[in-house]
Amino acid sequence: MAQRKTNARVTQVSNIIELSSHLRRIVLSGDSLNGFPTGQEGAHVKVVLPSEQQTNSADKNQKMRSYTIRSFNQDTLELTLDFVINRHKGPATDWAKNAKLGDQLAIAGPGPLKITDYNQSSYLLVGDITSVNAINGFVPKFTQDADIQAVISVPTRSDIITMDYDDSANTYWFIEDEMSISLEQQVLALAKNMAKDTCVFLALEASKIRSLRPMLEEQLELNRLNCTAVGYWKQGVDADKFGAQKKSEPF
């Protein structure tokens, strides 16, 4: 049987920015990005590792990892992604840690946006360092008068990064190595007075979602039908195995 092919674009690393000890911003560019859709900040692309770096298609046996789009500039054909480094080992993490200007990386996508309704009156977004760009991409799309609360969990204070919106009023940075309460407790405290029909977006480590979602629905009585939960990773489980688990046990 012929192997399934996935269209991919071969890009080159044109800039590297060290955001913190745990975040490395990599800018990808190249003529292959002609026609890449705009307005997809917050959606994900697949980075294809490592053999795909030399061709324009991928087969199902190659390593692919999802990364959220920080920005895309259609004039300069530059796609910006942020990679978490120095927290665990894996093919994409190791590639990002060792990447140099001129290195090639194939990308496929983008995938669909997890939030497409930007006209609701209330939003609660909870993420961690792996999903900060999803929150960064969604919040600017919401109406200005919406009640927006965002909680972003990061390992250290140095991992707080500049957002593309004014985050001073509605974004709480949960600094893991400084907190005396749990992320779940912090989220409940911030969300306790939000409307029952609040749209909820959870983008976290799998066990955090499985503990937090019932609390929001049972203790705060938020409507479960308005909740979108995306497990970005699972402690102690590699991405390939976790992907299979998510299919068999969806959030």
Protein backbone atom coordinates (compact mmCIF):
# COMPACT_ATOMS: atom_id res chain seq x y z
CA MET A 1 0.00 0.00 0.00
CA ALA A 2 1.34 3.46 -0.86
CA GLN A 3 2.28 5.62 2.09
CA ARG A 4 0.14 8.67 2.84
CA LYS A 5 1.78 11.91 1.76
CA THR A 6 1.45 15.25 3.51
CA ASN A 7 2.15 18.48 1.65
CA ALA A 8 4.95 20.37 3.35
CA ARG A 9 6.92 23.54 2.80
CA VAL A 10 10.70 23.54 3.18
CA THR A 11 11.87 26.66 5.00
CA GLN A 12 15.15 28.02 6.32
CA VAL A 13 15.96 29.46 9.73
CA SER A 14 16.41 33.21 9.16
CA ASN A 15 16.47 34.46 12.76
CA ILE A 16 16.80 33.06 16.27
CA ILE A 17 15.77 35.00 19.38
CA GLU A 18 16.49 33.73 22.88
CA LEU A 19 13.32 34.70 24.78
CA SER A 20 14.26 32.95 28.04
CA SER A 21 16.08 29.89 29.31
CA HIS A 22 13.01 27.84 28.33
CA LEU A 23 11.82 29.58 25.16
CA ARG A 24 13.59 29.97 21.84
CA ARG A 25 11.91 31.91 19.04
CA ILE A 26 12.76 30.69 15.55
CA VAL A 27 11.84 32.61 12.41
CA LEU A 28 11.44 30.51 9.27
CA SER A 29 11.46 31.96 5.77
CA GLY A 30 11.54 30.93 2.13
CA ASP A 31 9.67 31.11 -1.15
CA SER A 32 7.77 28.00 -0.12
CA LEU A 33 5.72 30.23 2.19
CA ASN A 34 4.13 31.98 -0.77
CA GLY A 35 0.40 31.39 -0.38
CA PHE A 36 0.60 30.50 3.31
CA PRO A 37 -2.69 31.74 4.78
CA THR A 38 -2.77 34.89 6.89
CA GLY A 39 -4.72 35.44 10.11
CA GLN A 40 -3.82 32.03 11.50
CA GLU A 41 -2.06 33.20 14.66
CA GLY A 42 -3.09 30.75 17.38
CA ALA A 43 -3.41 27.83 14.96
CA HIS A 44 -0.69 25.21 14.70
CA VAL A 45 1.64 23.90 12.05
CA LYS A 46 3.40 20.56 12.01
CA VAL A 47 7.18 20.64 11.98
CA VAL A 48 8.54 17.58 10.21
CA LEU A 49 11.73 16.01 11.55
CA PRO A 50 14.31 15.26 10.41
CA SER A 51 14.46 13.66 6.97
CA GLU A 52 11.70 15.88 5.59
CA GLN A 53 14.17 18.77 5.63
CA GLN A 54 15.33 17.86 2.15
CA THR A 55 12.03 17.25 0.29
CA ASN A 56 8.56 18.67 -0.17
CA SER A 57 6.45 15.80 1.13
CA ALA A 58 6.26 13.70 4.28
CA ASP A 59 5.20 10.16 5.01
CA LYS A 60 3.36 8.92 8.07
CA ASN A 61 6.49 7.39 9.59
CA GLN A 62 8.38 10.66 9.92
CA LYS A 63 8.42 12.54 13.20
CA MET A 64 5.98 15.43 13.25
CA ARG A 65 5.29 17.82 16.11
CA SER A 66 2.71 20.60 16.49
CA TYR A 67 3.78 24.18 17.16
CA THR A 68 1.55 27.23 17.48
CA ILE A 69 1.99 30.11 15.06
CA ARG A 70 3.21 33.27 16.74
CA SER A 71 3.05 35.35 13.56
CA PHE A 72 3.26 35.21 9.79
CA ASN A 73 4.41 38.11 7.61
CA GLN A 74 3.17 37.61 4.06
CA ASP A 75 5.33 40.46 2.74
CA THR A 76 8.63 39.05 4.00
CA LEU A 77 7.46 35.41 3.96
CA GLU A 78 8.49 34.90 7.58
CA LEU A 79 6.78 32.42 9.90
CA THR A 80 7.58 32.72 13.61
CA LEU A 81 7.34 29.81 16.06
CA ASP A 82 8.38 29.55 19.72
CA PHE A 83 9.99 26.32 20.93
CA VAL A 84 10.16 25.17 24.55
CA ILE A 85 13.71 24.02 25.34
CA ASN A 86 15.63 22.83 28.41
CA ARG A 87 12.60 21.12 29.98
CA HIS A 88 12.62 17.75 28.27
CA LYS A 89 14.21 15.94 25.35
CA GLY A 90 12.56 15.06 22.05
CA PRO A 91 13.20 15.36 18.32
CA ALA A 92 11.69 18.83 17.88
CA THR A 93 13.02 20.19 21.17
CA ASP A 94 16.50 18.91 20.41
CA TRP A 95 16.34 20.34 16.89
CA ALA A 96 15.27 23.76 18.18
CA LYS A 97 17.97 23.85 20.86
CA ASN A 98 20.68 23.19 18.28
CA ALA A 99 19.22 25.09 15.32
CA LYS A 100 21.45 27.53 13.45
CA LEU A 101 20.81 30.21 10.84
CA GLY A 102 20.35 28.58 7.46
CA ASP A 103 19.14 25.23 8.82
CA GLN A 104 16.19 23.78 6.97
CA LEU A 105 12.88 22.77 8.51
CA ALA A 106 9.79 21.49 6.74
CA ILE A 107 6.38 22.58 7.98
CA ALA A 108 2.89 21.39 7.10
CA GLY A 109 -0.42 23.09 7.75
CA PRO A 110 -1.76 25.19 9.30
CA GLY A 111 -4.34 23.18 11.17
CA PRO A 112 -7.75 24.56 12.15
CA LEU A 113 -8.13 27.24 14.79
CA LYS A 114 -9.50 25.90 18.08
CA ILE A 115 -11.58 29.05 18.66
CA THR A 116 -13.52 30.54 15.75
CA ASP A 117 -16.25 32.55 17.51
CA TYR A 118 -14.79 35.88 18.61
CA ASN A 119 -18.05 37.68 19.40
CA GLN A 120 -18.99 36.15 22.76
CA SER A 121 -19.18 38.30 25.87
CA SER A 122 -16.93 36.24 28.15
CA TYR A 123 -13.78 34.13 27.68
CA LEU A 124 -11.55 32.18 30.04
CA LEU A 125 -8.25 30.96 28.60
CA VAL A 126 -5.81 28.82 30.57
CA GLY A 127 -2.49 27.73 29.10
CA ASP A 128 1.12 27.04 29.91
CA ILE A 129 4.47 27.79 28.30
CA THR A 130 3.68 25.41 25.41
CA SER A 131 0.44 27.19 24.50
CA VAL A 132 1.21 30.85 25.23
CA ASN A 133 1.00 31.67 21.52
CA ALA A 134 -2.48 30.23 21.24
CA ILE A 135 -3.65 32.72 23.87
CA ASN A 136 -1.58 35.44 22.23
CA GLY A 137 -3.29 34.72 18.92
CA PHE A 138 -6.86 34.53 20.19
CA VAL A 139 -7.18 37.45 22.61
CA PRO A 140 -6.69 40.22 20.01
CA LYS A 141 -9.56 38.74 17.97
CA PHE A 142 -12.13 39.10 20.76
CA THR A 143 -14.45 42.11 20.95
CA GLN A 144 -13.12 44.98 23.03
CA ASP A 145 -15.97 44.87 25.55
CA ALA A 146 -15.70 41.13 26.24
CA ASP A 147 -14.85 39.92 29.75
CA ILE A 148 -11.52 38.16 29.18
CA GLN A 149 -9.48 36.32 31.77
CA ALA A 150 -6.27 34.53 30.77
CA VAL A 151 -4.00 32.48 33.01
CA ILE A 152 -0.60 31.40 31.70
CA SER A 153 1.60 29.06 33.70
CA VAL A 154 5.36 29.47 33.18
CA PRO A 155 8.32 27.82 34.97
CA THR A 156 10.06 31.03 36.08
CA ARG A 157 9.54 34.79 36.07
CA SER A 158 12.03 35.12 33.22
CA ASP A 159 9.64 33.11 31.01
CA ILE A 160 7.07 35.92 30.97
CA ILE A 161 7.18 37.23 27.40
CA THR A 162 5.75 40.28 25.67
CA MET A 163 2.32 39.64 24.19
CA ASP A 164 0.83 41.19 21.06
CA TYR A 165 -1.93 42.76 23.15
CA ASP A 166 -2.05 44.81 26.35
CA ASP A 167 -2.01 42.02 28.91
CA SER A 168 -1.90 44.22 31.99
CA ALA A 169 -5.63 44.06 32.72
CA ASN A 170 -6.69 40.53 31.87
CA THR A 171 -3.68 38.18 31.86
CA TYR A 172 -2.32 36.52 34.99
CA TRP A 173 1.12 34.90 34.81
CA PHE A 174 1.26 31.90 37.15
CA ILE A 175 4.96 31.54 38.01
CA GLU A 176 5.44 27.91 38.94
CA ASP A 177 8.57 28.25 41.09
CA GLU A 178 7.08 31.10 43.15
CA MET A 179 3.51 29.98 43.85
CA SER A 180 2.21 28.53 47.11
CA ILE A 181 -1.14 27.49 45.59
CA SER A 182 -1.95 25.22 42.68
CA LEU A 183 -2.78 26.36 39.16
CA GLU A 184 -6.29 24.96 39.65
CA GLN A 185 -6.81 27.09 42.77
CA GLN A 186 -5.57 30.19 40.98
CA VAL A 187 -7.87 29.66 38.00
CA LEU A 188 -10.92 29.08 40.20
CA ALA A 189 -10.20 32.24 42.16
CA LEU A 190 -9.99 34.35 39.01
CA ALA A 191 -12.97 32.74 37.28
CA LYS A 192 -15.44 32.50 40.17
CA ASN A 193 -17.43 35.58 39.13
CA MET A 194 -17.46 34.94 35.39
CA ALA A 195 -20.70 34.31 33.50
CA LYS A 196 -22.01 30.75 33.38
CA ASP A 197 -21.91 30.82 29.56
CA THR A 198 -18.22 31.82 29.48
CA CYS A 199 -16.29 30.29 26.59
CA VAL A 200 -13.43 28.28 28.09
CA PHE A 201 -10.19 27.33 26.35
CA LEU A 202 -7.84 24.96 28.18
CA ALA A 203 -4.44 24.25 26.60
CA LEU A 204 -2.29 22.46 29.14
CA GLU A 205 -0.54 19.29 30.22
CA ALA A 206 -3.10 16.46 30.11
CA SER A 207 -3.45 15.82 33.84
CA LYS A 208 -4.04 19.54 34.49
CA ILE A 209 -6.95 19.53 32.06
CA ARG A 210 -8.46 16.41 33.60
CA SER A 211 -8.38 18.00 37.06
CA LEU A 212 -9.33 21.56 36.11
CA ARG A 213 -12.20 20.98 33.72
CA PRO A 214 -14.48 19.20 36.23
CA MET A 215 -13.81 21.95 38.77
CA LEU A 216 -14.90 24.64 36.35
CA GLU A 217 -18.02 22.74 35.35
CA GLU A 218 -19.05 21.47 38.77
CA GLN A 219 -17.84 24.10 41.26
CA LEU A 220 -18.34 27.19 39.07
CA GLU A 221 -21.14 25.64 36.97
CA LEU A 222 -19.66 26.84 33.68
CA ASN A 223 -21.43 25.34 30.68
CA ARG A 224 -19.49 22.25 29.54
CA LEU A 225 -20.65 22.78 25.96
CA ASN A 226 -18.67 26.01 25.84
CA CYS A 227 -15.37 24.38 26.81
CA THR A 228 -12.59 23.56 24.37
CA ALA A 229 -9.80 21.48 25.91
CA VAL A 230 -6.53 20.70 24.12
CA GLY A 231 -3.88 18.56 25.77
CA TYR A 232 -0.63 19.97 24.41
CA TRP A 233 1.51 17.37 26.17
CA LYS A 234 1.52 14.71 28.89
CA GLN A 235 4.10 14.36 31.62
CA GLY A 236 6.29 11.30 31.05
CA VAL A 237 4.72 10.33 27.71
CA ASP A 238 6.27 11.06 24.31
CA ALA A 239 4.24 12.97 21.75
CA ASP A 240 3.58 10.02 19.46
CA LYS A 241 2.14 7.86 22.24
CA PHE A 242 0.20 10.79 23.67
CA GLY A 243 -1.34 11.48 20.27
CA ALA A 244 -2.66 7.93 20.18
CA GLN A 245 -4.00 8.24 23.73
CA LYS A 246 -5.89 11.42 22.88
CA LYS A 247 -7.67 9.64 20.05
CA SER A 248 -8.81 6.82 22.32
CA GLU A 249 -9.52 9.01 25.38
CA PRO A 250 -10.49 12.52 24.20
CA PHE A 251 -10.76 15.37 26.66
